Structures are given as C-alpha cells and as structure tokens.
Amino acid sequence: MKRHASSPTPLRAPLAALPLLVLAALAAAQEPPQPVPLPEVRHEGTMSLEAALWARRSIRDLKPDALPLAAAAQLLWAAQGKNRPDGHRTAPSAGATYPLEVYLVTGSVDGLPPGVYRYRSATHDLVLAQSGDKRAELTAAPGRPPGWAANAPLLVVFAAVPDRVSRRFGARAERFLAMDVGHAAQNVYLQAAALGLGTTFMGLVNDSAMTRVLRADERPMGVMPVGTPR
C-alpha cells in the first residue's frame, strides 16, 4: 500500500517556528539603541559671563516643571561638549585625557521619555542606557528616603574612567580626576545661571545604584539636579 506523507498538524507548525521567533527577539534585544539627536547649542546668550558668575548659586528648591530639550542640550554641551573641530571640549582636562563621561537622567524633559542617557560629545547626541525614571534611585543615599533631587526634572551625572588618566599620570590620577569634575561642574553651574535655572553639586549619592547604570570601567563622581528655582 502506498503511503502518503502526512501534512504537519496545526500545532506542529507554530512549534517549528518558535526557535526562529526566539532568535529574532534576541537579535532585536541586542541591537544598540538609536541615538537621540539634540538641538544645536547656542554659542551666544543674553547673559554676560560676569552676570552668570554673579547669579551663580547652589539651589536645591526646584520646581518639578518640565524643561525643554534645548535646555538639557545646552547643559550637556557646557559640561563636556565639543567646542573645536579637533574634539577638544568646553571644560579643560589634564593632558586632554578626558576621563569624564556625562549622563542625562530625565524625569520631565519635553520630548524625551524618562530614562538614563549617555551623552556623546563628538556627535552631540544621546544614547539610551536604561529606560524608566531613575531619579529617586540614583540620588537617595543608602538608608535615606528620596529627597528634593528626585523631583528635579533632570539630573546631570558625572562618571569617570580612571584608567584614561592613570595611564599617563600614574599616582597623580586622583588629583586630576577631581580637577576635571570641578571644571565641568562649574560650567554647568554657569550655564544653568545663564538659562535662569538652578542646580547644585551632590557628592553623596547612591553609589551602588550608580554602578548598575554606568559601564564597568566607570566610577560615579557626582550629580547635579537641574530645574527652575521656586
């Protein structure tokens, strides 16, 4: 008797395709996130440097109101943006080693979902590192409840890659790391003042939460919550 090949049952076909669907899902998950372009920065403003120095304050009483993406872009550029075609930046760095990496943590920024974004100075754009509102998690010191910084519309986070400096300066690397952070933080202070915004530098943050966001070779250095002063 001649046998006819049996056709696949309705259940067997979906099961056969399941490995392909899993592979496709894994491939999609491994694809790097698309960069988020930032608005062009302004190189001239309405406030003089002297006026910005006069207006600079450490301000913690901030409104939770959303900030425009253009303001976030200006702050990031002030921190570590490129200001010359050869890649040199707005803040000086020991031996031009540029150990700093800057992240934008958003909670209420127009046109940008809450998340943690890495700032890329060379291309003046953002790359998503983690999605979701991480403001309270990152700024609450261990054993303490979230404070005022959790309500700031955005955080500018400074991280450092010590190896970039230690390869050149050895034991003096720690000194230069502190200098680089100070230079960049003062730029953010002055840019915030020029935009009519308030900020302060926080060194007491949740280091363990920071390490879950940063890359393995990066060390948390501090956070600057930014918002409109009350």
Protein backbone atom coordinates (compact mmCIF):
# COMPACT_ATOMS: atom_id res chain seq x y z
CA MET A 1 0.00 0.00 0.00
CA LYS A 2 1.31 3.41 -0.99
CA ARG A 3 1.83 5.72 1.92
CA HIS A 4 1.16 9.43 1.67
CA ALA A 5 3.32 11.87 3.56
CA SER A 6 1.35 13.30 6.40
CA SER A 7 0.90 17.07 6.45
CA PRO A 8 2.03 18.94 9.57
CA THR A 9 -0.58 19.29 12.24
CA PRO A 10 -1.76 22.83 13.13
CA LEU A 11 0.15 22.61 16.42
CA ARG A 12 3.44 21.42 14.92
CA ALA A 13 3.87 24.41 12.55
CA PRO A 14 3.89 27.10 15.25
CA LEU A 15 6.23 24.98 17.38
CA ALA A 16 8.64 24.64 14.47
CA ALA A 17 8.72 28.41 14.04
CA LEU A 18 9.25 29.07 17.76
CA PRO A 19 13.09 28.91 17.68
CA LEU A 20 13.13 31.44 14.84
CA LEU A 21 10.91 33.80 16.82
CA VAL A 22 13.16 33.48 19.86
CA LEU A 23 16.26 34.21 17.77
CA ALA A 24 14.57 37.22 16.22
CA ALA A 25 13.62 38.55 19.64
CA LEU A 26 17.16 38.07 20.95
CA ALA A 27 18.62 39.82 17.93
CA ALA A 28 16.26 42.76 18.42
CA ALA A 29 17.20 42.99 22.09
CA GLN A 30 20.90 43.07 21.24
CA GLU A 31 20.57 45.85 18.68
CA PRO A 32 22.07 49.09 20.02
CA PRO A 33 19.52 51.83 20.70
CA GLN A 34 19.22 54.53 18.10
CA PRO A 35 20.95 57.82 19.01
CA VAL A 36 18.71 60.70 20.02
CA PRO A 37 19.83 63.89 18.23
CA LEU A 38 19.99 67.01 20.37
CA PRO A 39 19.11 70.57 19.36
CA GLU A 40 22.02 72.70 18.23
CA VAL A 41 23.62 74.65 21.04
CA ARG A 42 23.79 78.41 21.23
CA HIS A 43 27.25 79.96 21.29
CA GLU A 44 25.92 83.36 22.31
CA GLY A 45 23.40 84.23 25.01
CA THR A 46 21.66 87.16 26.59
CA MET A 47 23.63 87.00 29.86
CA SER A 48 27.27 88.02 30.14
CA LEU A 49 29.84 85.82 31.87
CA GLU A 50 30.10 88.36 34.67
CA ALA A 51 26.34 88.30 35.19
CA ALA A 52 26.32 84.48 35.24
CA LEU A 53 29.08 84.50 37.86
CA TRP A 54 27.07 86.96 39.93
CA ALA A 55 23.91 84.86 39.59
CA ARG A 56 25.54 81.50 40.36
CA ARG A 57 24.12 79.85 43.47
CA SER A 58 23.74 76.36 44.92
CA ILE A 59 19.96 75.95 44.63
CA ARG A 60 18.01 72.99 45.95
CA ASP A 61 14.46 74.36 45.95
CA LEU A 62 13.44 73.48 42.40
CA LYS A 63 10.11 73.26 40.64
CA PRO A 64 9.20 69.88 39.11
CA ASP A 65 8.07 71.60 35.91
CA ALA A 66 9.33 70.09 32.66
CA LEU A 67 12.36 71.60 30.95
CA PRO A 68 12.77 71.91 27.18
CA LEU A 69 15.14 69.54 25.43
CA ALA A 70 17.12 72.54 24.20
CA ALA A 71 17.97 73.45 27.81
CA ALA A 72 19.19 69.91 28.50
CA ALA A 73 21.30 70.00 25.35
CA GLN A 74 22.88 73.31 26.39
CA LEU A 75 23.75 71.97 29.85
CA LEU A 76 25.35 68.81 28.46
CA TRP A 77 27.36 70.81 25.96
CA ALA A 78 28.55 73.10 28.74
CA ALA A 79 29.65 70.07 30.77
CA GLN A 80 31.62 68.16 28.12
CA GLY A 81 30.59 69.36 24.69
CA LYS A 82 32.92 69.79 21.74
CA ASN A 83 34.00 73.36 21.04
CA ARG A 84 36.69 72.79 18.41
CA PRO A 85 36.87 70.66 15.26
CA ASP A 86 39.69 68.56 16.74
CA GLY A 87 37.41 67.27 19.51
CA HIS A 88 38.61 69.39 22.42
CA ARG A 89 35.85 70.21 24.86
CA THR A 90 34.28 73.09 26.74
CA ALA A 91 35.94 72.02 30.03
CA PRO A 92 39.71 71.60 30.35
CA SER A 93 41.19 68.19 31.05
CA ALA A 94 44.61 67.09 32.29
CA GLY A 95 46.65 66.24 29.22
CA ALA A 96 43.42 66.22 27.18
CA THR A 97 42.76 62.72 28.52
CA TYR A 98 39.03 63.47 29.05
CA PRO A 99 38.24 60.84 31.67
CA LEU A 100 34.71 62.14 32.25
CA GLU A 101 31.52 60.61 30.90
CA VAL A 102 28.28 62.53 31.29
CA TYR A 103 24.79 61.05 31.63
CA LEU A 104 21.43 62.75 31.45
CA VAL A 105 18.80 61.30 33.79
CA THR A 106 15.37 62.51 32.77
CA GLY A 107 12.10 62.63 34.60
CA SER A 108 10.40 65.59 32.98
CA VAL A 109 12.08 66.79 29.80
CA ASP A 110 9.95 67.74 26.82
CA GLY A 111 10.17 65.18 24.02
CA LEU A 112 12.37 62.75 25.94
CA PRO A 113 10.95 59.72 27.82
CA PRO A 114 12.20 59.16 31.38
CA GLY A 115 15.45 57.26 31.39
CA VAL A 116 19.22 57.36 31.70
CA TYR A 117 21.02 58.59 28.59
CA ARG A 118 24.72 58.70 27.79
CA TYR A 119 25.86 61.97 26.26
CA ARG A 120 28.23 61.68 23.29
CA SER A 121 30.17 64.91 22.87
CA ALA A 122 31.65 64.05 19.48
CA THR A 123 28.23 63.83 17.85
CA HIS A 124 26.22 65.90 20.39
CA ASP A 125 23.56 63.27 20.88
CA LEU A 126 22.22 60.82 23.44
CA VAL A 127 22.14 57.04 23.64
CA LEU A 128 19.68 55.33 25.96
CA ALA A 129 21.41 53.36 28.73
CA GLN A 130 18.34 52.44 30.80
CA SER A 131 14.69 53.30 30.44
CA GLY A 132 12.45 54.43 33.28
CA ASP A 133 12.57 57.15 35.92
CA LYS A 134 15.76 56.58 37.97
CA ARG A 135 15.96 59.96 39.74
CA ALA A 136 14.98 58.76 43.21
CA GLU A 137 17.04 55.57 42.97
CA LEU A 138 20.24 57.36 41.99
CA THR A 139 20.06 60.35 44.33
CA ALA A 140 18.85 58.71 47.57
CA ALA A 141 21.84 57.98 49.78
CA PRO A 142 21.84 54.46 51.26
CA GLY A 143 19.45 54.23 54.19
CA ARG A 144 17.77 57.54 53.40
CA PRO A 145 14.46 58.28 51.67
CA PRO A 146 14.43 60.11 48.33
CA GLY A 147 14.95 63.83 48.83
CA TRP A 148 14.44 67.00 46.86
CA ALA A 149 16.68 65.87 43.97
CA ALA A 150 14.20 63.15 43.00
CA ASN A 151 11.75 65.86 41.93
CA ALA A 152 14.18 67.81 39.73
CA PRO A 153 13.16 67.46 36.07
CA LEU A 154 16.64 66.27 35.11
CA LEU A 155 19.97 65.18 36.56
CA VAL A 156 23.40 65.67 35.05
CA VAL A 157 25.53 62.74 36.22
CA PHE A 158 29.32 62.76 36.11
CA ALA A 159 31.24 59.50 35.85
CA ALA A 160 34.94 58.95 35.32
CA VAL A 161 37.13 56.34 33.66
CA PRO A 162 40.25 56.49 35.87
CA ASP A 163 42.41 54.42 33.50
CA ARG A 164 42.42 57.20 30.95
CA VAL A 165 44.30 59.41 33.41
CA SER A 166 46.35 56.84 35.32
CA ARG A 167 47.94 55.50 32.13
CA ARG A 168 49.56 58.90 31.68
CA PHE A 169 49.86 60.38 35.18
CA GLY A 170 50.12 57.33 37.45
CA ALA A 171 49.55 58.05 41.13
CA ARG A 172 48.50 61.63 40.43
CA ALA A 173 45.41 60.46 38.54
CA GLU A 174 43.08 61.00 41.52
CA ARG A 175 44.11 64.65 41.74
CA PHE A 176 43.39 65.25 38.08
CA LEU A 177 40.06 63.43 38.19
CA ALA A 178 38.86 65.79 40.91
CA MET A 179 40.03 68.77 38.88
CA ASP A 180 38.20 67.60 35.75
CA VAL A 181 34.94 67.16 37.64
CA GLY A 182 35.31 70.60 39.20
CA HIS A 183 35.88 72.25 35.83
CA ALA A 184 32.87 70.57 34.26
CA ALA A 185 30.60 71.19 37.24
CA GLN A 186 31.36 74.90 37.26
CA ASN A 187 30.49 75.05 33.57
CA VAL A 188 27.08 73.52 34.38
CA TYR A 189 26.60 75.98 37.25
CA LEU A 190 27.25 78.95 34.95
CA GLN A 191 25.19 77.60 32.06
CA ALA A 192 22.28 76.94 34.42
CA ALA A 193 22.51 80.50 35.73
CA ALA A 194 22.55 81.86 32.18
CA LEU A 195 19.38 79.86 31.40
CA GLY A 196 17.61 81.04 34.55
CA LEU A 197 17.84 77.57 36.09
CA GLY A 198 19.09 76.33 39.43
CA THR A 199 21.38 73.48 40.41
CA THR A 200 23.91 72.26 42.95
CA PHE A 201 26.57 69.56 43.05
CA MET A 202 25.81 66.40 45.03
CA GLY A 203 28.61 64.05 46.01
CA LEU A 204 26.54 61.97 48.44
CA VAL A 205 24.57 59.73 46.09
CA ASN A 206 23.66 56.04 45.84
CA ASP A 207 26.90 54.55 44.54
CA SER A 208 25.53 51.01 44.30
CA ALA A 209 22.61 52.21 42.18
CA MET A 210 25.01 54.21 40.05
CA THR A 211 27.14 51.17 39.29
CA ARG A 212 24.08 49.40 37.90
CA VAL A 213 23.67 52.20 35.38
CA LEU A 214 27.27 53.02 34.50
CA ARG A 215 29.68 50.91 32.48
CA ALA A 216 32.04 48.54 34.25
CA ASP A 217 35.08 50.81 33.89
CA GLU A 218 33.28 53.95 35.10
CA ARG A 219 33.17 55.40 38.60
CA PRO A 220 30.40 57.72 39.85
CA MET A 221 31.69 61.20 40.69
CA GLY A 222 28.61 63.29 41.39
CA VAL A 223 25.19 64.52 40.33
CA MET A 224 23.77 67.94 39.50
CA PRO A 225 19.95 68.14 39.68
CA VAL A 226 18.66 70.97 37.49
CA GLY A 227 15.33 72.76 37.42
CA THR A 228 13.59 76.10 37.61
CA PRO A 229 14.09 77.78 41.01
CA ARG A 230 10.96 78.33 43.05
